[in-house]
Amino acid sequence: FDRHRMSRLYPDADTPGRFIFEASIAPGKPAESETAEAERLGWLEGWLDRDRHCPAGYLIVDRRPIGRAETNVYGHDLRYWVACVEPVENPPKTGG
């Protein structure tokens, strides 16, 4: 299961309510490939769905390669900062 082997999702300790998603690139899944990025975003959505995070959707706040000097316990290549979208309340109805 590529999602489990090639990515992980965890809460952002610096920003409550946000998450960090890390993913690996591999042959056939380069960092700038639209097809590979769609697959990685599918992994992100799978993690969010599994843990019941972001039911109204999410926004990728930032995405960048993980630098050599950064903590990278799992050896992933890309790091995304993810914020949940707040659910929209039904607006009050006006006359008509």
C-alpha atoms as a PDB file:
ATOM      1  CA  PHE A   1       0.000   0.000   0.000  1.00  0.00           C
ATOM      2  CA  ASP A   2       1.937   3.023  -1.299  1.00  0.00           C
ATOM      3  CA  ARG A   3       0.226   5.523   1.006  1.00  0.00           C
ATOM      4  CA  HIS A   4       1.535   3.780   4.124  1.00  0.00           C
ATOM      5  CA  ARG A   5       5.008   3.213   2.738  1.00  0.00           C
ATOM      6  CA  MET A   6       5.523   6.542   0.991  1.00  0.00           C
ATOM      7  CA  SER A   7       3.747   9.134   3.149  1.00  0.00           C
ATOM      8  CA  ARG A   8       2.610  10.158   6.600  1.00  0.00           C
ATOM      9  CA  LEU A   9       0.372  12.793   8.197  1.00  0.00           C
ATOM     10  CA  TYR A  10       0.791  14.306  11.646  1.00  0.00           C
ATOM     11  CA  PRO A  11      -0.400  17.410  13.543  1.00  0.00           C
ATOM     12  CA  ASP A  12       1.685  20.567  13.138  1.00  0.00           C
ATOM     13  CA  ALA A  13       3.050  21.202  16.644  1.00  0.00           C
ATOM     14  CA  ASP A  14       3.644  24.876  15.795  1.00  0.00           C
ATOM     15  CA  THR A  15       0.167  25.668  14.448  1.00  0.00           C
ATOM     16  CA  PRO A  16      -2.880  24.120  16.155  1.00  0.00           C
ATOM     17  CA  GLY A  17      -5.501  22.906  13.714  1.00  0.00           C
ATOM     18  CA  ARG A  18      -2.979  22.300  10.931  1.00  0.00           C
ATOM     19  CA  PHE A  19      -1.252  19.167   9.728  1.00  0.00           C
ATOM     20  CA  ILE A  20       2.021  18.275   8.075  1.00  0.00           C
ATOM     21  CA  PHE A  21       1.935  15.746   5.261  1.00  0.00           C
ATOM     22  CA  GLU A  22       5.201  14.214   4.087  1.00  0.00           C
ATOM     23  CA  ALA A  23       5.589  12.159   0.941  1.00  0.00           C
ATOM     24  CA  SER A  24       8.342  10.412  -0.964  1.00  0.00           C
ATOM     25  CA  ILE A  25       9.180  10.766  -4.600  1.00  0.00           C
ATOM     26  CA  ALA A  26      10.295   7.702  -6.526  1.00  0.00           C
ATOM     27  CA  PRO A  27      11.078   6.648 -10.074  1.00  0.00           C
ATOM     28  CA  GLY A  28       7.903   7.269 -12.002  1.00  0.00           C
ATOM     29  CA  LYS A  29       6.632   9.652  -9.288  1.00  0.00           C
ATOM     30  CA  PRO A  30       8.798  12.795  -9.699  1.00  0.00           C
ATOM     31  CA  ALA A  31       8.155  15.884  -7.569  1.00  0.00           C
ATOM     32  CA  GLU A  32       6.788  18.061 -10.392  1.00  0.00           C
ATOM     33  CA  SER A  33       4.694  15.461 -12.222  1.00  0.00           C
ATOM     34  CA  GLU A  34       0.979  16.318 -12.243  1.00  0.00           C
ATOM     35  CA  THR A  35       0.082  12.620 -12.262  1.00  0.00           C
ATOM     36  CA  ALA A  36       2.374  11.832  -9.324  1.00  0.00           C
ATOM     37  CA  GLU A  37       1.131  14.896  -7.424  1.00  0.00           C
ATOM     38  CA  ALA A  38      -2.467  13.763  -7.922  1.00  0.00           C
ATOM     39  CA  GLU A  39      -1.497  10.381  -6.459  1.00  0.00           C
ATOM     40  CA  ARG A  40       0.219  12.035  -3.475  1.00  0.00           C
ATOM     41  CA  LEU A  41      -2.851  14.217  -2.845  1.00  0.00           C
ATOM     42  CA  GLY A  42      -4.930  11.036  -2.949  1.00  0.00           C
ATOM     43  CA  TRP A  43      -2.720   9.674  -0.159  1.00  0.00           C
ATOM     44  CA  LEU A  44      -3.241  12.897   1.806  1.00  0.00           C
ATOM     45  CA  GLU A  45      -7.005  12.600   1.401  1.00  0.00           C
ATOM     46  CA  GLY A  46      -6.840   8.961   2.460  1.00  0.00           C
ATOM     47  CA  TRP A  47      -5.050   9.915   5.701  1.00  0.00           C
ATOM     48  CA  LEU A  48      -7.473  12.771   6.360  1.00  0.00           C
ATOM     49  CA  ASP A  49     -10.491  10.527   5.734  1.00  0.00           C
ATOM     50  CA  ARG A  50      -9.117   7.700   7.849  1.00  0.00           C
ATOM     51  CA  ASP A  51      -8.627   9.971  10.838  1.00  0.00           C
ATOM     52  CA  ARG A  52     -11.788  12.021  10.166  1.00  0.00           C
ATOM     53  CA  HIS A  53      -9.901  15.301   9.753  1.00  0.00           C
ATOM     54  CA  CYS A  54     -11.063  18.186   7.552  1.00  0.00           C
ATOM     55  CA  PRO A  55     -14.627  17.048   6.724  1.00  0.00           C
ATOM     56  CA  ALA A  56     -15.287  20.336   4.875  1.00  0.00           C
ATOM     57  CA  GLY A  57     -12.071  20.045   2.854  1.00  0.00           C
ATOM     58  CA  TYR A  58      -8.503  21.246   3.132  1.00  0.00           C
ATOM     59  CA  LEU A  59      -6.102  23.828   1.781  1.00  0.00           C
ATOM     60  CA  ILE A  60      -2.416  23.269   1.104  1.00  0.00           C
ATOM     61  CA  VAL A  61      -0.756  26.280   2.707  1.00  0.00           C
ATOM     62  CA  ASP A  62       2.777  25.417   1.585  1.00  0.00           C
ATOM     63  CA  ARG A  63       4.644  22.639  -0.229  1.00  0.00           C
ATOM     64  CA  ARG A  64       8.388  22.291  -0.552  1.00  0.00           C
ATOM     65  CA  PRO A  65      11.217  19.782  -0.661  1.00  0.00           C
ATOM     66  CA  ILE A  66      12.549  18.659   2.710  1.00  0.00           C
ATOM     67  CA  GLY A  67      16.049  20.079   3.110  1.00  0.00           C
ATOM     68  CA  ARG A  68      19.012  18.001   4.191  1.00  0.00           C
ATOM     69  CA  ALA A  69      19.389  19.993   7.422  1.00  0.00           C
ATOM     70  CA  GLU A  70      15.726  19.494   8.387  1.00  0.00           C
ATOM     71  CA  THR A  71      14.490  16.751  10.689  1.00  0.00           C
ATOM     72  CA  ASN A  72      13.356  13.924   8.440  1.00  0.00           C
ATOM     73  CA  VAL A  73      13.021  10.721  10.446  1.00  0.00           C
ATOM     74  CA  TYR A  74      11.168   8.806   7.721  1.00  0.00           C
ATOM     75  CA  GLY A  75      13.311   9.981   4.792  1.00  0.00           C
ATOM     76  CA  HIS A  76      10.482  11.556   2.794  1.00  0.00           C
ATOM     77  CA  ASP A  77      11.207  14.111   0.068  1.00  0.00           C
ATOM     78  CA  LEU A  78       8.309  16.591   0.133  1.00  0.00           C
ATOM     79  CA  ARG A  79       6.584  18.381   3.019  1.00  0.00           C
ATOM     80  CA  TYR A  80       3.140  19.979   2.792  1.00  0.00           C
ATOM     81  CA  TRP A  81       1.470  22.203   5.387  1.00  0.00           C
ATOM     82  CA  VAL A  82      -2.272  21.526   5.384  1.00  0.00           C
ATOM     83  CA  ALA A  83      -5.110  23.550   6.931  1.00  0.00           C
ATOM     84  CA  CYS A  84      -8.671  22.348   7.298  1.00  0.00           C
ATOM     85  CA  VAL A  85     -11.376  24.439   5.666  1.00  0.00           C
ATOM     86  CA  GLU A  86     -14.015  25.585   8.112  1.00  0.00           C
ATOM     87  CA  PRO A  87     -17.537  24.370   7.339  1.00  0.00           C
ATOM     88  CA  VAL A  88     -19.773  27.074   5.884  1.00  0.00           C
ATOM     89  CA  GLU A  89     -22.865  27.783   7.935  1.00  0.00           C
ATOM     90  CA  ASN A  90     -26.121  28.222   6.084  1.00  0.00           C
ATOM     91  CA  PRO A  91     -26.549  31.969   5.577  1.00  0.00           C
ATOM     92  CA  PRO A  92     -29.772  33.472   6.921  1.00  0.00           C
ATOM     93  CA  LYS A  93     -32.513  33.715   4.319  1.00  0.00           C
ATOM     94  CA  THR A  94     -33.643  37.167   3.354  1.00  0.00           C
ATOM     95  CA  GLY A  95     -37.053  38.238   2.160  1.00  0.00           C
ATOM     96  CA  GLY A  96     -38.175  37.633  -1.319  1.00  0.00           C
END
